Amino acid sequence: MKEIELRIIDIDVQEIRSKLLSLNCIKVKQEDQINNIYDFSDKRLLLGKGYARIRTVKDHLTNSTIHYITTKKLISQEKYKIMDEHESEIKDEFAARGIFEALGLELMQSIKKYRESYKYKNTLIEIDINEKEFCPFPYIEIESTSETEIEEVVRLLGYNLEDTTPKSIYEILKSKKSMGKL
């Protein structure tokens, strides 16, 4: 599946929530996540703008815990970030870890975050609040299969495309650090 996405960083969470509710967006996720990022020891996946991940989700809307196994690979990062993504729900996080390790993958990083997601037509608007040690500011990720819908959502939230970035959160953090803004 191709995933088209943009980010808007340093958001006012309450303001975004209010706008989403005024647009009659439906809350589809309210969750705590643990994202375990895997790669080979030579970091060939990450260096190639991809990764393997095991995500554990504590879903507050359904009061359940779900696990996913995912691979992602960057296709383009021009106007939008476009990823080739393969994801499946799994029953056993430990078995997934064993499969990754048997393939030679190693745990590179474990990231905890809170995510709240809203649906507008066929577009997902996700408010992400990470552990402060990893990312000290909240941001939204807008993802869809439609560029037109992404642009519509950006406008409806009071932004324009110049306020967005196709960069990954790692690239944003690296850029902010190099400018002394972190």
Protein backbone atom coordinates (compact mmCIF):
# COMPACT_ATOMS: atom_id res chain seq x y z
CA MET A 1 0.00 0.00 0.00
CA LYS A 2 1.21 3.51 -0.76
CA GLU A 3 0.84 6.00 2.04
CA ILE A 4 0.98 9.75 1.29
CA GLU A 5 1.67 11.91 4.33
CA LEU A 6 2.66 15.33 5.59
CA ARG A 7 3.47 16.65 9.05
CA ILE A 8 2.74 19.94 10.76
CA ILE A 9 4.97 20.41 13.79
CA ASP A 10 4.78 22.48 16.99
CA ILE A 11 0.99 22.41 17.04
CA ASP A 12 -1.45 23.60 19.71
CA VAL A 13 -3.12 20.28 20.55
CA GLN A 14 -6.29 21.80 22.02
CA GLU A 15 -6.74 24.08 19.00
CA ILE A 16 -6.34 21.17 16.57
CA ARG A 17 -8.80 19.03 18.55
CA SER A 18 -11.35 21.88 18.47
CA LYS A 19 -10.95 22.33 14.71
CA LEU A 20 -11.26 18.59 14.08
CA LEU A 21 -14.44 18.39 16.14
CA SER A 22 -15.92 21.47 14.41
CA LEU A 23 -15.29 19.71 11.07
CA ASN A 24 -17.26 16.71 12.40
CA CYS A 25 -14.21 14.47 12.17
CA ILE A 26 -14.68 11.12 13.87
CA LYS A 27 -12.19 10.08 16.56
CA VAL A 28 -10.97 6.65 15.47
CA LYS A 29 -7.96 6.18 17.75
CA GLN A 30 -6.91 7.11 21.26
CA GLU A 31 -3.92 5.03 22.17
CA ASP A 32 -0.59 4.61 23.83
CA GLN A 33 2.01 3.05 21.56
CA ILE A 34 5.35 1.36 21.93
CA ASN A 35 7.16 1.34 18.58
CA ASN A 36 10.11 -1.05 18.45
CA ILE A 37 12.26 -0.23 15.42
CA TYR A 38 14.39 -3.05 13.98
CA ASP A 39 17.20 -3.11 11.44
CA PHE A 40 20.30 -5.10 10.55
CA SER A 41 23.51 -4.28 12.44
CA ASP A 42 24.79 -2.29 9.44
CA LYS A 43 21.54 -0.21 9.53
CA ARG A 44 20.88 -0.86 5.84
CA LEU A 45 17.10 -0.43 6.24
CA LEU A 46 17.34 2.89 8.07
CA LEU A 47 20.09 4.15 5.74
CA GLY A 48 17.81 3.21 2.83
CA LYS A 49 14.97 5.25 4.40
CA GLY A 50 13.07 2.24 5.66
CA TYR A 51 12.62 0.08 8.72
CA ALA A 52 10.91 -2.92 10.27
CA ARG A 53 8.71 -2.34 13.30
CA ILE A 54 6.74 -4.13 15.96
CA ARG A 55 4.10 -1.81 17.43
CA THR A 56 2.15 -2.50 20.61
CA VAL A 57 -1.01 -0.42 20.95
CA LYS A 58 -3.02 0.07 24.14
CA ASP A 59 -6.34 1.18 22.61
CA HIS A 60 -8.27 3.38 25.04
CA LEU A 61 -11.42 3.39 22.88
CA THR A 62 -11.83 -0.40 23.00
CA ASN A 63 -9.79 -1.08 26.15
CA SER A 64 -7.69 -3.63 24.28
CA THR A 65 -4.06 -4.27 23.36
CA ILE A 66 -3.13 -4.94 19.74
CA HIS A 67 0.22 -5.77 18.10
CA TYR A 68 1.31 -5.00 14.54
CA ILE A 69 4.30 -6.00 12.44
CA THR A 70 5.26 -3.47 9.76
CA THR A 71 7.86 -2.71 7.13
CA LYS A 72 8.16 0.71 5.52
CA LYS A 73 10.32 2.02 2.69
CA LEU A 74 10.47 5.62 1.46
CA ILE A 75 9.43 5.97 -2.19
CA SER A 76 9.44 9.77 -2.52
CA GLN A 77 9.89 12.84 -0.37
CA GLU A 78 9.27 15.67 -2.83
CA LYS A 79 6.02 17.48 -2.06
CA TYR A 80 4.72 14.60 0.09
CA LYS A 81 6.29 11.75 1.95
CA ILE A 82 5.25 8.58 0.10
CA MET A 83 5.97 5.25 1.74
CA ASP A 84 5.58 1.67 0.61
CA GLU A 85 4.03 0.10 3.71
CA HIS A 86 3.19 -3.48 4.60
CA GLU A 87 1.46 -4.06 7.92
CA SER A 88 -0.41 -6.87 9.60
CA GLU A 89 -1.98 -7.36 12.99
CA ILE A 90 -0.23 -10.14 14.89
CA LYS A 91 -1.25 -12.24 17.87
CA ASP A 92 2.13 -12.72 19.46
CA GLU A 93 4.61 -9.88 19.81
CA PHE A 94 7.26 -12.27 21.16
CA ALA A 95 6.97 -14.54 18.11
CA ALA A 96 7.35 -11.47 15.84
CA ARG A 97 10.46 -10.46 17.76
CA GLY A 98 11.81 -14.00 17.32
CA ILE A 99 11.12 -13.88 13.57
CA PHE A 100 12.91 -10.54 13.20
CA GLU A 101 15.88 -11.78 15.23
CA ALA A 102 16.02 -15.04 13.25
CA LEU A 103 16.25 -12.91 10.09
CA GLY A 104 19.21 -11.06 11.60
CA LEU A 105 17.35 -7.89 12.65
CA GLU A 106 18.22 -6.12 15.90
CA LEU A 107 16.21 -3.76 18.07
CA MET A 108 17.52 -0.27 17.28
CA GLN A 109 15.12 1.94 19.22
CA SER A 110 11.97 1.78 21.32
CA ILE A 111 9.73 4.87 21.15
CA LYS A 112 6.67 5.52 23.31
CA LYS A 113 3.96 7.93 22.27
CA TYR A 114 0.33 8.92 22.71
CA ARG A 115 -1.70 9.11 19.50
CA GLU A 116 -5.15 10.47 18.89
CA SER A 117 -6.52 10.03 15.36
CA TYR A 118 -9.46 11.51 13.52
CA LYS A 119 -11.02 10.61 10.20
CA TYR A 120 -12.04 13.21 7.60
CA LYS A 121 -13.50 11.56 4.49
CA ASN A 122 -10.70 9.10 3.55
CA THR A 123 -7.92 10.99 5.34
CA LEU A 124 -6.46 10.31 8.76
CA ILE A 125 -5.31 13.20 10.96
CA GLU A 126 -3.10 11.96 13.79
CA ILE A 127 -2.03 13.99 16.81
CA ASP A 128 1.24 12.57 18.12
CA ILE A 129 2.70 13.35 21.53
CA ASN A 130 5.97 11.47 22.03
CA GLU A 131 8.04 10.99 25.15
CA LYS A 132 9.78 14.35 25.65
CA GLU A 133 13.23 12.70 25.53
CA PHE A 134 12.55 11.58 21.97
CA CYS A 135 10.51 14.51 20.59
CA PRO A 136 9.72 17.52 22.81
CA PHE A 137 6.89 18.97 20.67
CA PRO A 138 3.52 17.65 19.51
CA TYR A 139 2.73 17.38 15.81
CA ILE A 140 0.08 16.14 13.44
CA GLU A 141 0.52 13.67 10.65
CA ILE A 142 -1.98 13.85 7.82
CA GLU A 143 -2.12 10.70 5.72
CA SER A 144 -4.28 9.64 2.82
CA THR A 145 -4.21 8.07 -0.60
CA SER A 146 -5.47 11.38 -2.06
CA GLU A 147 -3.27 14.46 -2.49
CA THR A 148 -6.39 16.59 -3.00
CA GLU A 149 -7.86 15.49 0.31
CA ILE A 150 -4.58 16.11 2.15
CA GLU A 151 -4.49 19.66 0.77
CA GLU A 152 -8.14 20.16 1.76
CA VAL A 153 -7.45 19.04 5.34
CA VAL A 154 -4.39 21.30 5.60
CA ARG A 155 -6.53 24.30 4.56
CA LEU A 156 -9.44 23.35 6.84
CA LEU A 157 -7.06 23.20 9.81
CA GLY A 158 -5.94 26.76 9.06
CA TYR A 159 -2.59 25.99 7.47
CA ASN A 160 -1.17 26.08 3.96
CA LEU A 161 1.25 23.66 2.28
CA GLU A 162 4.22 25.88 3.22
CA ASP A 163 3.44 25.06 6.88
CA THR A 164 3.86 21.33 6.22
CA THR A 165 6.82 19.05 5.77
CA PRO A 166 7.26 15.67 4.09
CA LYS A 167 10.27 14.99 6.36
CA SER A 168 10.30 12.12 8.81
CA ILE A 169 10.29 12.94 12.50
CA TYR A 170 13.97 11.85 12.61
CA GLU A 171 14.85 14.38 9.89
CA ILE A 172 12.87 17.13 11.65
CA LEU A 173 14.63 16.44 14.96
CA LYS A 174 18.05 16.37 13.28
CA SER A 175 17.33 19.68 11.51
CA LYS A 176 16.11 21.35 14.73
CA LYS A 177 19.19 20.11 16.62
CA SER A 178 21.56 21.44 13.96
CA MET A 179 19.83 24.86 14.15
CA GLY A 180 20.07 24.84 17.96
CA LYS A 181 16.28 24.75 18.37
CA LEU A 182 16.23 21.61 20.52
